[in-house]
Amino acid sequence: MVKGIGMSGVLVVLVAMGCGSSSTSGGGGGSFNTSVSGNKSLSSLSDADKAQLCKDVDTFLKTPTVVAAQCKLAGFLAAALIVGFDQNATDAMLKTTCSQAVVACTSGGGDASSGDSMNMCTTDKFPATCTATVAELSACIQDFPKLSDNVPDCNSITRASLSADGGGGPTGMPATTACDTLSTKCPGIFDQQNRP
């Protein structure tokens, strides 16, 4: 499980990332860049800075590398959900569910938030209690593709592998220091009910 975020946080991040936003901008992923000064506090951003930051985040989240990572995670989570609800699901069914979720996500069929990627920074100002900077948010955004690093490919998924952790969610996923820092300095940023 991702340290400091947890399974529910991963799901929120996945939704915030706009799973299925398959239109691409720029190269294959690369580095996240924004023209907003990295030393600015998120809670003090002007509306213009927030709009620019969100535009830059949205562009990065639509790059092929990020889309591939989020769709791989979407497939894994779809299979894990089936294990939790269908005691008769076979390994073949889980692999098919995973593959179908990846295809739907990649083609845009899973995009429930098109045009609303990372809406935590577009709807309202970050709370005054958020002491994180643009640079710290940027570092966490850069780490989003890492969320799927240790997630198995669909053809490797089995009921046994999904049940090995007692149903608590994917294990072995890397903790990202950048996202841990962001979560500490901006409490609740990954909690859907606490997002601004």
C-alpha atoms as a PDB file:
ATOM      1  CA  MET A   1       0.000   0.000   0.000  1.00  0.00           C
ATOM      2  CA  VAL A   2       1.221   3.511  -0.653  1.00  0.00           C
ATOM      3  CA  LYS A   3       2.546   4.837   2.628  1.00  0.00           C
ATOM      4  CA  GLY A   4       0.732   7.950   3.765  1.00  0.00           C
ATOM      5  CA  ILE A   5      -1.991   7.705   1.137  1.00  0.00           C
ATOM      6  CA  GLY A   6      -3.662   4.324   1.623  1.00  0.00           C
ATOM      7  CA  MET A   7      -6.058   2.547  -0.681  1.00  0.00           C
ATOM      8  CA  SER A   8      -8.819   5.155  -0.471  1.00  0.00           C
ATOM      9  CA  GLY A   9      -6.271   7.848  -1.223  1.00  0.00           C
ATOM     10  CA  VAL A  10      -5.016   5.930  -4.231  1.00  0.00           C
ATOM     11  CA  LEU A  11      -8.579   5.758  -5.536  1.00  0.00           C
ATOM     12  CA  VAL A  12      -9.027   9.494  -5.020  1.00  0.00           C
ATOM     13  CA  VAL A  13      -5.727  10.177  -6.767  1.00  0.00           C
ATOM     14  CA  LEU A  14      -6.823   7.931  -9.618  1.00  0.00           C
ATOM     15  CA  VAL A  15     -10.099   9.833  -9.951  1.00  0.00           C
ATOM     16  CA  ALA A  16      -8.306  13.152  -9.625  1.00  0.00           C
ATOM     17  CA  MET A  17      -5.952  12.037 -12.368  1.00  0.00           C
ATOM     18  CA  GLY A  18      -8.935  11.601 -14.669  1.00  0.00           C
ATOM     19  CA  CYS A  19      -8.487   7.933 -15.535  1.00  0.00           C
ATOM     20  CA  GLY A  20      -9.004   7.462 -19.201  1.00  0.00           C
ATOM     21  CA  SER A  21      -7.932  10.884 -20.327  1.00  0.00           C
ATOM     22  CA  SER A  22      -6.158   9.396 -23.286  1.00  0.00           C
ATOM     23  CA  SER A  23      -5.546  12.509 -25.283  1.00  0.00           C
ATOM     24  CA  THR A  24      -1.863  13.235 -25.191  1.00  0.00           C
ATOM     25  CA  SER A  25       0.209  16.327 -24.948  1.00  0.00           C
ATOM     26  CA  GLY A  26       3.916  16.517 -25.496  1.00  0.00           C
ATOM     27  CA  GLY A  27       6.215  13.532 -25.287  1.00  0.00           C
ATOM     28  CA  GLY A  28       5.992  10.216 -23.526  1.00  0.00           C
ATOM     29  CA  GLY A  29       5.733  11.502 -19.995  1.00  0.00           C
ATOM     30  CA  GLY A  30       8.986  13.062 -18.890  1.00  0.00           C
ATOM     31  CA  SER A  31       9.084  15.655 -16.167  1.00  0.00           C
ATOM     32  CA  PHE A  32       6.245  17.678 -14.770  1.00  0.00           C
ATOM     33  CA  ASN A  33       6.864  21.382 -15.312  1.00  0.00           C
ATOM     34  CA  THR A  34       4.873  24.457 -14.441  1.00  0.00           C
ATOM     35  CA  SER A  35       5.513  28.148 -14.975  1.00  0.00           C
ATOM     36  CA  VAL A  36       4.160  28.881 -11.482  1.00  0.00           C
ATOM     37  CA  SER A  37       7.017  29.648  -9.107  1.00  0.00           C
ATOM     38  CA  GLY A  38       7.945  26.594  -7.061  1.00  0.00           C
ATOM     39  CA  ASN A  39       8.538  28.568  -3.872  1.00  0.00           C
ATOM     40  CA  LYS A  40       4.954  29.855  -3.716  1.00  0.00           C
ATOM     41  CA  SER A  41       2.718  28.418  -1.014  1.00  0.00           C
ATOM     42  CA  LEU A  42      -0.302  26.546  -2.375  1.00  0.00           C
ATOM     43  CA  SER A  43      -2.587  28.335   0.086  1.00  0.00           C
ATOM     44  CA  SER A  44      -1.512  31.744  -1.212  1.00  0.00           C
ATOM     45  CA  LEU A  45      -1.822  31.151  -4.966  1.00  0.00           C
ATOM     46  CA  SER A  46      -3.714  33.715  -6.985  1.00  0.00           C
ATOM     47  CA  ASP A  47      -6.573  32.543  -9.186  1.00  0.00           C
ATOM     48  CA  ALA A  48      -4.327  33.035 -12.232  1.00  0.00           C
ATOM     49  CA  ASP A  49      -1.556  30.919 -10.675  1.00  0.00           C
ATOM     50  CA  LYS A  50      -4.012  28.190  -9.736  1.00  0.00           C
ATOM     51  CA  ALA A  51      -5.456  28.159 -13.243  1.00  0.00           C
ATOM     52  CA  GLN A  52      -1.965  27.871 -14.751  1.00  0.00           C
ATOM     53  CA  LEU A  53      -0.897  25.173 -12.287  1.00  0.00           C
ATOM     54  CA  CYS A  54      -4.016  23.139 -13.014  1.00  0.00           C
ATOM     55  CA  LYS A  55      -3.498  23.518 -16.752  1.00  0.00           C
ATOM     56  CA  ASP A  56       0.069  22.265 -16.384  1.00  0.00           C
ATOM     57  CA  VAL A  57      -1.040  19.348 -14.177  1.00  0.00           C
ATOM     58  CA  ASP A  58      -3.742  18.402 -16.668  1.00  0.00           C
ATOM     59  CA  THR A  59      -1.232  18.442 -19.538  1.00  0.00           C
ATOM     60  CA  PHE A  60       1.161  16.167 -17.623  1.00  0.00           C
ATOM     61  CA  LEU A  61      -1.592  13.767 -16.565  1.00  0.00           C
ATOM     62  CA  LYS A  62      -2.549  13.244 -20.209  1.00  0.00           C
ATOM     63  CA  THR A  63       0.933  12.163 -21.319  1.00  0.00           C
ATOM     64  CA  PRO A  64       1.204   8.545 -22.495  1.00  0.00           C
ATOM     65  CA  THR A  65       3.399   7.444 -19.585  1.00  0.00           C
ATOM     66  CA  VAL A  66       0.981   8.734 -16.970  1.00  0.00           C
ATOM     67  CA  VAL A  67      -2.096   7.410 -18.787  1.00  0.00           C
ATOM     68  CA  ALA A  68      -0.479   3.965 -19.079  1.00  0.00           C
ATOM     69  CA  ALA A  69       0.351   3.946 -15.362  1.00  0.00           C
ATOM     70  CA  GLN A  70      -3.098   5.036 -14.233  1.00  0.00           C
ATOM     71  CA  CYS A  71      -4.808   2.567 -16.556  1.00  0.00           C
ATOM     72  CA  LYS A  72      -2.615  -0.288 -15.317  1.00  0.00           C
ATOM     73  CA  LEU A  73      -3.664   0.613 -11.783  1.00  0.00           C
ATOM     74  CA  ALA A  74      -7.321   0.867 -12.865  1.00  0.00           C
ATOM     75  CA  GLY A  75      -7.170  -2.662 -14.267  1.00  0.00           C
ATOM     76  CA  PHE A  76      -5.628  -4.009 -11.094  1.00  0.00           C
ATOM     77  CA  LEU A  77      -8.224  -2.275  -8.903  1.00  0.00           C
ATOM     78  CA  ALA A  78     -11.067  -3.605 -11.067  1.00  0.00           C
ATOM     79  CA  ALA A  79      -9.817  -7.169 -10.618  1.00  0.00           C
ATOM     80  CA  ALA A  80      -9.313  -6.621  -6.879  1.00  0.00           C
ATOM     81  CA  LEU A  81     -12.885  -5.356  -6.611  1.00  0.00           C
ATOM     82  CA  ILE A  82     -14.205  -8.504  -8.301  1.00  0.00           C
ATOM     83  CA  VAL A  83     -12.312 -10.689  -5.802  1.00  0.00           C
ATOM     84  CA  GLY A  84     -14.012  -8.823  -2.963  1.00  0.00           C
ATOM     85  CA  PHE A  85     -17.513  -9.297  -4.341  1.00  0.00           C
ATOM     86  CA  ASP A  86     -17.504 -12.563  -6.298  1.00  0.00           C
ATOM     87  CA  GLN A  87     -16.268 -15.636  -4.468  1.00  0.00           C
ATOM     88  CA  ASN A  88     -16.636 -17.681  -7.671  1.00  0.00           C
ATOM     89  CA  ALA A  89     -14.504 -15.451  -9.885  1.00  0.00           C
ATOM     90  CA  THR A  90     -11.817 -17.488 -11.621  1.00  0.00           C
ATOM     91  CA  ASP A  91      -8.311 -16.355 -12.461  1.00  0.00           C
ATOM     92  CA  ALA A  92      -9.380 -16.117 -16.104  1.00  0.00           C
ATOM     93  CA  MET A  93     -12.307 -13.851 -15.156  1.00  0.00           C
ATOM     94  CA  LEU A  94     -10.001 -11.618 -13.123  1.00  0.00           C
ATOM     95  CA  LYS A  95      -7.513 -11.313 -15.976  1.00  0.00           C
ATOM     96  CA  THR A  96     -10.341 -10.478 -18.383  1.00  0.00           C
ATOM     97  CA  THR A  97     -11.802  -7.894 -15.987  1.00  0.00           C
ATOM     98  CA  CYS A  98      -8.381  -6.309 -15.577  1.00  0.00           C
ATOM     99  CA  SER A  99      -7.753  -6.221 -19.337  1.00  0.00           C
ATOM    100  CA  GLN A 100     -11.192  -4.755 -20.068  1.00  0.00           C
ATOM    101  CA  ALA A 101     -10.683  -2.039 -17.451  1.00  0.00           C
ATOM    102  CA  VAL A 102      -7.296  -1.146 -18.938  1.00  0.00           C
ATOM    103  CA  VAL A 103      -8.776  -0.933 -22.448  1.00  0.00           C
ATOM    104  CA  ALA A 104     -11.727   1.174 -21.233  1.00  0.00           C
ATOM    105  CA  CYS A 105      -9.413   3.488 -19.333  1.00  0.00           C
ATOM    106  CA  THR A 106      -6.951   3.841 -22.202  1.00  0.00           C
ATOM    107  CA  SER A 107      -9.708   4.547 -24.716  1.00  0.00           C
ATOM    108  CA  GLY A 108     -11.327   7.111 -22.445  1.00  0.00           C
ATOM    109  CA  GLY A 109     -14.282   4.951 -21.457  1.00  0.00           C
ATOM    110  CA  GLY A 110     -13.368   5.166 -17.800  1.00  0.00           C
ATOM    111  CA  ASP A 111     -13.026   8.926 -17.749  1.00  0.00           C
ATOM    112  CA  ALA A 112     -15.507  10.107 -15.170  1.00  0.00           C
ATOM    113  CA  SER A 113     -13.804  13.442 -14.711  1.00  0.00           C
ATOM    114  CA  SER A 114     -12.918  14.631 -18.186  1.00  0.00           C
ATOM    115  CA  GLY A 115     -11.927  18.254 -18.079  1.00  0.00           C
ATOM    116  CA  ASP A 116     -11.849  18.092 -14.282  1.00  0.00           C
ATOM    117  CA  SER A 117      -8.421  16.595 -13.648  1.00  0.00           C
ATOM    118  CA  MET A 118      -6.991  17.569 -10.308  1.00  0.00           C
ATOM    119  CA  ASN A 119     -10.072  19.627  -9.452  1.00  0.00           C
ATOM    120  CA  MET A 120      -8.738  20.022  -5.933  1.00  0.00           C
ATOM    121  CA  CYS A 121      -6.852  23.044  -7.192  1.00  0.00           C
ATOM    122  CA  THR A 122      -9.548  24.542  -9.405  1.00  0.00           C
ATOM    123  CA  THR A 123     -12.602  24.656  -7.187  1.00  0.00           C
ATOM    124  CA  ASP A 124     -11.322  26.698  -4.282  1.00  0.00           C
ATOM    125  CA  LYS A 125      -8.146  27.884  -2.651  1.00  0.00           C
ATOM    126  CA  PHE A 126      -6.044  25.402  -0.718  1.00  0.00           C
ATOM    127  CA  PRO A 127      -6.817  25.823   2.992  1.00  0.00           C
ATOM    128  CA  ALA A 128      -4.634  28.137   5.058  1.00  0.00           C
ATOM    129  CA  THR A 129      -3.443  25.069   6.996  1.00  0.00           C
ATOM    130  CA  CYS A 130      -1.762  23.792   3.826  1.00  0.00           C
ATOM    131  CA  THR A 131       1.877  24.856   4.068  1.00  0.00           C
ATOM    132  CA  ALA A 132       3.090  22.938   0.998  1.00  0.00           C
ATOM    133  CA  THR A 133       4.666  24.782  -1.885  1.00  0.00           C
ATOM    134  CA  VAL A 134       4.112  24.479  -5.608  1.00  0.00           C
ATOM    135  CA  ALA A 135       7.452  22.649  -5.809  1.00  0.00           C
ATOM    136  CA  GLU A 136       6.251  20.068  -3.273  1.00  0.00           C
ATOM    137  CA  LEU A 137       2.997  19.528  -5.160  1.00  0.00           C
ATOM    138  CA  SER A 138       4.983  19.283  -8.394  1.00  0.00           C
ATOM    139  CA  ALA A 139       7.256  16.600  -6.922  1.00  0.00           C
ATOM    140  CA  CYS A 140       4.232  14.526  -5.887  1.00  0.00           C
ATOM    141  CA  ILE A 141       2.590  14.948  -9.306  1.00  0.00           C
ATOM    142  CA  GLN A 142       5.840  13.751 -10.878  1.00  0.00           C
ATOM    143  CA  ASP A 143       5.580  10.588  -8.750  1.00  0.00           C
ATOM    144  CA  PHE A 144       2.047   9.635  -9.887  1.00  0.00           C
ATOM    145  CA  PRO A 145       3.284   7.090 -12.469  1.00  0.00           C
ATOM    146  CA  LYS A 146       5.151   5.280  -9.672  1.00  0.00           C
ATOM    147  CA  LEU A 147       1.822   4.244  -8.138  1.00  0.00           C
ATOM    148  CA  SER A 148       1.696   1.368 -10.600  1.00  0.00           C
ATOM    149  CA  ASP A 149       5.363   0.312 -10.457  1.00  0.00           C
ATOM    150  CA  ASN A 150       4.761  -2.889  -8.492  1.00  0.00           C
ATOM    151  CA  VAL A 151       1.240  -3.585  -9.709  1.00  0.00           C
ATOM    152  CA  PRO A 152       1.188  -6.815 -11.721  1.00  0.00           C
ATOM    153  CA  ASP A 153       0.182  -6.863 -15.363  1.00  0.00           C
ATOM    154  CA  CYS A 154      -3.266  -8.275 -16.064  1.00  0.00           C
ATOM    155  CA  ASN A 155      -1.889 -11.601 -17.305  1.00  0.00           C
ATOM    156  CA  SER A 156      -0.148 -12.117 -13.930  1.00  0.00           C
ATOM    157  CA  ILE A 157      -3.196 -11.526 -11.747  1.00  0.00           C
ATOM    158  CA  THR A 158      -4.641 -14.471  -9.832  1.00  0.00           C
ATOM    159  CA  ARG A 159      -7.181 -14.804  -7.052  1.00  0.00           C
ATOM    160  CA  ALA A 160      -4.398 -15.999  -4.758  1.00  0.00           C
ATOM    161  CA  SER A 161      -2.190 -12.991  -5.475  1.00  0.00           C
ATOM    162  CA  LEU A 162      -5.052 -10.547  -4.925  1.00  0.00           C
ATOM    163  CA  SER A 163      -6.112 -12.269  -1.691  1.00  0.00           C
ATOM    164  CA  ALA A 164      -2.575 -12.628  -0.291  1.00  0.00           C
ATOM    165  CA  ASP A 165      -2.797  -9.370   1.654  1.00  0.00           C
ATOM    166  CA  GLY A 166      -6.168 -10.198   3.195  1.00  0.00           C
ATOM    167  CA  GLY A 167      -8.014  -7.910   0.821  1.00  0.00           C
ATOM    168  CA  GLY A 168      -6.408  -4.749   2.132  1.00  0.00           C
ATOM    169  CA  GLY A 169      -5.325  -3.549  -1.273  1.00  0.00           C
ATOM    170  CA  PRO A 170      -2.205  -3.668  -3.363  1.00  0.00           C
ATOM    171  CA  THR A 171       0.962  -4.281  -1.392  1.00  0.00           C
ATOM    172  CA  GLY A 172       4.519  -3.564  -2.331  1.00  0.00           C
ATOM    173  CA  MET A 173       3.558  -0.295  -4.009  1.00  0.00           C
ATOM    174  CA  PRO A 174       6.269   2.276  -3.425  1.00  0.00           C
ATOM    175  CA  ALA A 175       5.937   4.955  -0.812  1.00  0.00           C
ATOM    176  CA  THR A 176       6.734   8.229  -2.479  1.00  0.00           C
ATOM    177  CA  THR A 177       8.597  10.631  -0.248  1.00  0.00           C
ATOM    178  CA  ALA A 178       7.284  13.568  -2.242  1.00  0.00           C
ATOM    179  CA  CYS A 179       3.632  12.612  -1.767  1.00  0.00           C
ATOM    180  CA  ASP A 180       4.224  11.809   1.909  1.00  0.00           C
ATOM    181  CA  THR A 181       5.677  15.304   2.332  1.00  0.00           C
ATOM    182  CA  LEU A 182       2.741  16.885   0.504  1.00  0.00           C
ATOM    183  CA  SER A 183       0.228  14.932   2.589  1.00  0.00           C
ATOM    184  CA  THR A 184       1.972  16.001   5.809  1.00  0.00           C
ATOM    185  CA  LYS A 185       2.141  19.670   4.857  1.00  0.00           C
ATOM    186  CA  CYS A 186      -1.338  19.779   3.338  1.00  0.00           C
ATOM    187  CA  PRO A 187      -3.435  17.442   5.537  1.00  0.00           C
ATOM    188  CA  GLY A 188      -6.451  15.915   3.819  1.00  0.00           C
ATOM    189  CA  ILE A 189      -5.259  16.703   0.289  1.00  0.00           C
ATOM    190  CA  PHE A 190      -5.835  13.084  -0.738  1.00  0.00           C
ATOM    191  CA  ASP A 191      -9.124  12.661   1.143  1.00  0.00           C
ATOM    192  CA  GLN A 192     -12.064  13.152  -1.169  1.00  0.00           C
ATOM    193  CA  GLN A 193     -14.276  14.595   1.550  1.00  0.00           C
ATOM    194  CA  ASN A 194     -11.553  17.014   2.613  1.00  0.00           C
ATOM    195  CA  ARG A 195     -10.513  18.281  -0.783  1.00  0.00           C
ATOM    196  CA  PRO A 196     -11.100  22.009  -1.237  1.00  0.00           C
END
